[in-house]
């Protein structure tokens, strides 16, 4: 949990604040992170109630935000997700901004989301492989995160 707290401290300082040149209430990094969770939830073309609850719970902890603020973040992420045709922009922000332990924590949480409905779809696994590669992590890192998520 200490790693999650460190990530939250890093990101919470700007996650809920507006930048001077933007009307967005959330940082690009917090939106990028939320978009990845939405992408994973929709990978199997079925957003289960368990997955939706898991996204909210993860993002509340990840960014040390209250549920109401996370609900707004998720809505902003949905809008960004709908306006993009790929996830490269979002993964690139994470690749450049997160440390390796932060990326590992992200993979752990994404795997927890995959297993939230009790089933791993082939599209979810394929997306995990893609995200792992795009954020600069190895296949071994992904497998370790998968194994940790299965034990939970």
C-alpha atoms as a PDB file:
ATOM      1  CA  UNK A   1       0.000   0.000   0.000  1.00  0.00           C
ATOM      2  CA  UNK A   2       2.957   2.333   0.487  1.00  0.00           C
ATOM      3  CA  UNK A   3       3.622   2.395  -3.248  1.00  0.00           C
ATOM      4  CA  UNK A   4       0.007   3.306  -3.926  1.00  0.00           C
ATOM      5  CA  UNK A   5       0.275   6.109  -1.356  1.00  0.00           C
ATOM      6  CA  UNK A   6       3.431   7.442  -3.035  1.00  0.00           C
ATOM      7  CA  UNK A   7       1.696   7.459  -6.407  1.00  0.00           C
ATOM      8  CA  UNK A   8      -1.321   9.176  -4.891  1.00  0.00           C
ATOM      9  CA  UNK A   9       0.901  11.855  -3.346  1.00  0.00           C
ATOM     10  CA  UNK A  10       2.630  12.446  -6.663  1.00  0.00           C
ATOM     11  CA  UNK A  11      -0.567  12.687  -8.635  1.00  0.00           C
ATOM     12  CA  UNK A  12      -3.011  14.229  -6.164  1.00  0.00           C
ATOM     13  CA  UNK A  13      -1.178  17.530  -6.115  1.00  0.00           C
ATOM     14  CA  UNK A  14      -2.341  18.266  -9.649  1.00  0.00           C
ATOM     15  CA  UNK A  15      -5.117  15.749 -10.225  1.00  0.00           C
ATOM     16  CA  UNK A  16      -7.944  17.951  -9.071  1.00  0.00           C
ATOM     17  CA  UNK A  17      -6.535  21.355  -9.975  1.00  0.00           C
ATOM     18  CA  UNK A  18      -6.998  23.379 -13.126  1.00  0.00           C
ATOM     19  CA  UNK A  19      -3.993  24.496 -15.045  1.00  0.00           C
ATOM     20  CA  UNK A  20      -3.894  28.197 -15.829  1.00  0.00           C
ATOM     21  CA  UNK A  21      -4.299  27.638 -19.573  1.00  0.00           C
ATOM     22  CA  UNK A  22      -6.955  24.949 -19.382  1.00  0.00           C
ATOM     23  CA  UNK A  23     -10.605  24.639 -18.526  1.00  0.00           C
ATOM     24  CA  UNK A  24     -10.041  20.970 -17.676  1.00  0.00           C
ATOM     25  CA  UNK A  25     -10.486  20.318 -13.954  1.00  0.00           C
ATOM     26  CA  UNK A  26      -8.071  17.330 -14.081  1.00  0.00           C
ATOM     27  CA  UNK A  27      -4.483  16.919 -15.201  1.00  0.00           C
ATOM     28  CA  UNK A  28      -3.725  15.151 -18.446  1.00  0.00           C
ATOM     29  CA  UNK A  29      -1.982  12.413 -16.486  1.00  0.00           C
ATOM     30  CA  UNK A  30      -4.985  11.661 -14.294  1.00  0.00           C
ATOM     31  CA  UNK A  31      -7.261  11.582 -17.338  1.00  0.00           C
ATOM     32  CA  UNK A  32      -4.795   9.352 -19.221  1.00  0.00           C
ATOM     33  CA  UNK A  33      -4.746   6.929 -16.304  1.00  0.00           C
ATOM     34  CA  UNK A  34      -8.539   6.866 -16.059  1.00  0.00           C
ATOM     35  CA  UNK A  35      -8.826   6.328 -19.822  1.00  0.00           C
ATOM     36  CA  UNK A  36      -6.687   3.183 -19.554  1.00  0.00           C
ATOM     37  CA  UNK A  37      -9.008   1.792 -16.898  1.00  0.00           C
ATOM     38  CA  UNK A  38     -12.021   2.551 -19.105  1.00  0.00           C
ATOM     39  CA  UNK A  39     -10.321   0.941 -22.098  1.00  0.00           C
ATOM     40  CA  UNK A  40      -9.704  -2.180 -20.069  1.00  0.00           C
ATOM     41  CA  UNK A  41     -13.267  -2.271 -18.763  1.00  0.00           C
ATOM     42  CA  UNK A  42     -14.670  -2.025 -22.291  1.00  0.00           C
ATOM     43  CA  UNK A  43     -12.119  -4.411 -23.860  1.00  0.00           C
ATOM     44  CA  UNK A  44     -14.559  -7.319 -23.746  1.00  0.00           C
ATOM     45  CA  UNK A  45     -17.400  -5.080 -25.014  1.00  0.00           C
ATOM     46  CA  UNK A  46     -19.266  -5.542 -21.742  1.00  0.00           C
ATOM     47  CA  UNK A  47     -18.946  -3.191 -18.781  1.00  0.00           C
ATOM     48  CA  UNK A  48     -19.929  -5.278 -15.775  1.00  0.00           C
ATOM     49  CA  UNK A  49     -21.183  -3.573 -12.616  1.00  0.00           C
ATOM     50  CA  UNK A  50     -18.233  -5.098 -10.736  1.00  0.00           C
ATOM     51  CA  UNK A  51     -15.808  -3.488 -13.187  1.00  0.00           C
ATOM     52  CA  UNK A  52     -17.457  -0.093 -12.892  1.00  0.00           C
ATOM     53  CA  UNK A  53     -17.275  -0.252  -9.087  1.00  0.00           C
ATOM     54  CA  UNK A  54     -13.659  -1.448  -9.285  1.00  0.00           C
ATOM     55  CA  UNK A  55     -12.661   1.503 -11.512  1.00  0.00           C
ATOM     56  CA  UNK A  56     -14.136   3.962  -9.030  1.00  0.00           C
ATOM     57  CA  UNK A  57     -12.490   2.240  -6.076  1.00  0.00           C
ATOM     58  CA  UNK A  58      -9.080   2.041  -7.764  1.00  0.00           C
ATOM     59  CA  UNK A  59      -9.120   5.665  -8.894  1.00  0.00           C
ATOM     60  CA  UNK A  60     -10.239   6.894  -5.450  1.00  0.00           C
ATOM     61  CA  UNK A  61      -7.213   5.163  -3.917  1.00  0.00           C
ATOM     62  CA  UNK A  62      -4.853   5.907  -6.811  1.00  0.00           C
ATOM     63  CA  UNK A  63      -5.463   9.663  -6.732  1.00  0.00           C
ATOM     64  CA  UNK A  64      -6.598  10.076  -3.097  1.00  0.00           C
ATOM     65  CA  UNK A  65      -9.832  11.625  -4.324  1.00  0.00           C
ATOM     66  CA  UNK A  66     -13.349  11.432  -2.958  1.00  0.00           C
ATOM     67  CA  UNK A  67     -15.846   9.392  -4.965  1.00  0.00           C
ATOM     68  CA  UNK A  68     -17.651  12.488  -6.291  1.00  0.00           C
ATOM     69  CA  UNK A  69     -14.434  13.871  -7.744  1.00  0.00           C
ATOM     70  CA  UNK A  70     -13.538  10.472  -9.237  1.00  0.00           C
ATOM     71  CA  UNK A  71     -16.979  10.326 -10.846  1.00  0.00           C
ATOM     72  CA  UNK A  72     -16.155  13.653 -12.543  1.00  0.00           C
ATOM     73  CA  UNK A  73     -12.721  12.330 -13.548  1.00  0.00           C
ATOM     74  CA  UNK A  74     -14.306   9.238 -15.090  1.00  0.00           C
ATOM     75  CA  UNK A  75     -16.734  11.415 -17.048  1.00  0.00           C
ATOM     76  CA  UNK A  76     -13.856  13.577 -18.330  1.00  0.00           C
ATOM     77  CA  UNK A  77     -11.946  10.410 -19.256  1.00  0.00           C
ATOM     78  CA  UNK A  78     -14.981   9.044 -21.115  1.00  0.00           C
ATOM     79  CA  UNK A  79     -15.116  12.229 -23.179  1.00  0.00           C
ATOM     80  CA  UNK A  80     -11.390  12.052 -23.985  1.00  0.00           C
ATOM     81  CA  UNK A  81     -11.667   8.337 -24.765  1.00  0.00           C
ATOM     82  CA  UNK A  82     -14.536   8.968 -27.163  1.00  0.00           C
ATOM     83  CA  UNK A  83     -12.596  11.682 -28.999  1.00  0.00           C
ATOM     84  CA  UNK A  84      -9.510   9.496 -29.637  1.00  0.00           C
ATOM     85  CA  UNK A  85      -9.066   6.581 -31.998  1.00  0.00           C
ATOM     86  CA  UNK A  86      -6.126   5.016 -30.151  1.00  0.00           C
ATOM     87  CA  UNK A  87      -4.591   4.875 -26.704  1.00  0.00           C
ATOM     88  CA  UNK A  88      -1.055   5.897 -27.668  1.00  0.00           C
ATOM     89  CA  UNK A  89      -1.451   9.498 -26.456  1.00  0.00           C
ATOM     90  CA  UNK A  90      -2.551   8.291 -23.042  1.00  0.00           C
ATOM     91  CA  UNK A  91       0.047   5.546 -22.668  1.00  0.00           C
ATOM     92  CA  UNK A  92       2.792   7.905 -23.832  1.00  0.00           C
ATOM     93  CA  UNK A  93       1.963  10.358 -21.028  1.00  0.00           C
ATOM     94  CA  UNK A  94       2.205   7.535 -18.521  1.00  0.00           C
ATOM     95  CA  UNK A  95       5.399   6.149 -20.064  1.00  0.00           C
ATOM     96  CA  UNK A  96       7.089   9.550 -19.774  1.00  0.00           C
ATOM     97  CA  UNK A  97       5.727  10.490 -16.331  1.00  0.00           C
ATOM     98  CA  UNK A  98       5.489   7.343 -14.193  1.00  0.00           C
ATOM     99  CA  UNK A  99       8.445   5.621 -12.578  1.00  0.00           C
ATOM    100  CA  UNK A 100       8.830   1.868 -13.047  1.00  0.00           C
ATOM    101  CA  UNK A 101       7.212   1.133  -9.635  1.00  0.00           C
ATOM    102  CA  UNK A 102       4.298   3.393 -10.542  1.00  0.00           C
ATOM    103  CA  UNK A 103       3.862   1.595 -13.861  1.00  0.00           C
ATOM    104  CA  UNK A 104       3.973  -1.732 -12.032  1.00  0.00           C
ATOM    105  CA  UNK A 105       1.271  -0.511  -9.662  1.00  0.00           C
ATOM    106  CA  UNK A 106      -0.791   0.549 -12.681  1.00  0.00           C
ATOM    107  CA  UNK A 107      -0.432  -2.930 -14.210  1.00  0.00           C
ATOM    108  CA  UNK A 108      -1.403  -4.520 -10.894  1.00  0.00           C
ATOM    109  CA  UNK A 109      -4.550  -2.413 -10.746  1.00  0.00           C
ATOM    110  CA  UNK A 110      -5.425  -3.061 -14.383  1.00  0.00           C
ATOM    111  CA  UNK A 111      -5.180  -6.820 -13.753  1.00  0.00           C
ATOM    112  CA  UNK A 112      -7.397  -6.443 -10.698  1.00  0.00           C
ATOM    113  CA  UNK A 113      -9.933  -4.768 -12.967  1.00  0.00           C
ATOM    114  CA  UNK A 114      -9.662  -7.592 -15.492  1.00  0.00           C
ATOM    115  CA  UNK A 115     -10.516 -10.115 -12.782  1.00  0.00           C
ATOM    116  CA  UNK A 116     -13.222  -7.949 -11.139  1.00  0.00           C
ATOM    117  CA  UNK A 117     -15.967  -9.809 -13.009  1.00  0.00           C
ATOM    118  CA  UNK A 118     -14.328 -13.180 -12.340  1.00  0.00           C
ATOM    119  CA  UNK A 119     -13.380 -13.781 -15.961  1.00  0.00           C
ATOM    120  CA  UNK A 120     -10.488 -12.816 -18.242  1.00  0.00           C
ATOM    121  CA  UNK A 121     -11.526 -12.305 -21.832  1.00  0.00           C
ATOM    122  CA  UNK A 122      -9.039 -12.745 -24.690  1.00  0.00           C
ATOM    123  CA  UNK A 123      -9.521  -9.072 -25.621  1.00  0.00           C
ATOM    124  CA  UNK A 124      -8.624  -7.987 -22.088  1.00  0.00           C
ATOM    125  CA  UNK A 125      -5.441 -10.033 -22.189  1.00  0.00           C
ATOM    126  CA  UNK A 126      -4.526  -8.607 -25.604  1.00  0.00           C
ATOM    127  CA  UNK A 127      -5.079  -5.070 -24.362  1.00  0.00           C
ATOM    128  CA  UNK A 128      -2.923  -5.761 -21.297  1.00  0.00           C
ATOM    129  CA  UNK A 129      -0.110  -6.872 -23.605  1.00  0.00           C
ATOM    130  CA  UNK A 130      -0.506  -3.714 -25.674  1.00  0.00           C
ATOM    131  CA  UNK A 131      -0.612  -1.374 -22.677  1.00  0.00           C
ATOM    132  CA  UNK A 132       2.374  -3.116 -21.071  1.00  0.00           C
ATOM    133  CA  UNK A 133       4.423  -2.571 -24.208  1.00  0.00           C
ATOM    134  CA  UNK A 134       3.260   1.015 -24.753  1.00  0.00           C
ATOM    135  CA  UNK A 135       4.140   2.121 -21.211  1.00  0.00           C
ATOM    136  CA  UNK A 136       7.611   0.606 -21.541  1.00  0.00           C
ATOM    137  CA  UNK A 137       7.222  -2.432 -19.301  1.00  0.00           C
ATOM    138  CA  UNK A 138       8.270  -5.995 -20.089  1.00  0.00           C
ATOM    139  CA  UNK A 139       6.241  -9.123 -20.641  1.00  0.00           C
ATOM    140  CA  UNK A 140       7.691 -10.454 -17.390  1.00  0.00           C
ATOM    141  CA  UNK A 141       6.415  -7.384 -15.526  1.00  0.00           C
ATOM    142  CA  UNK A 142       2.963  -8.032 -16.933  1.00  0.00           C
ATOM    143  CA  UNK A 143       2.994 -11.713 -15.932  1.00  0.00           C
ATOM    144  CA  UNK A 144       4.111 -10.877 -12.391  1.00  0.00           C
ATOM    145  CA  UNK A 145       1.261  -8.357 -12.072  1.00  0.00           C
ATOM    146  CA  UNK A 146      -1.174 -10.934 -13.431  1.00  0.00           C
ATOM    147  CA  UNK A 147      -0.049 -13.510 -10.879  1.00  0.00           C
ATOM    148  CA  UNK A 148      -0.398 -11.017  -8.029  1.00  0.00           C
ATOM    149  CA  UNK A 149      -3.923 -10.113  -9.172  1.00  0.00           C
ATOM    150  CA  UNK A 150      -4.949 -13.780  -9.327  1.00  0.00           C
ATOM    151  CA  UNK A 151      -3.912 -14.277  -5.712  1.00  0.00           C
ATOM    152  CA  UNK A 152      -6.176 -11.457  -4.509  1.00  0.00           C
END
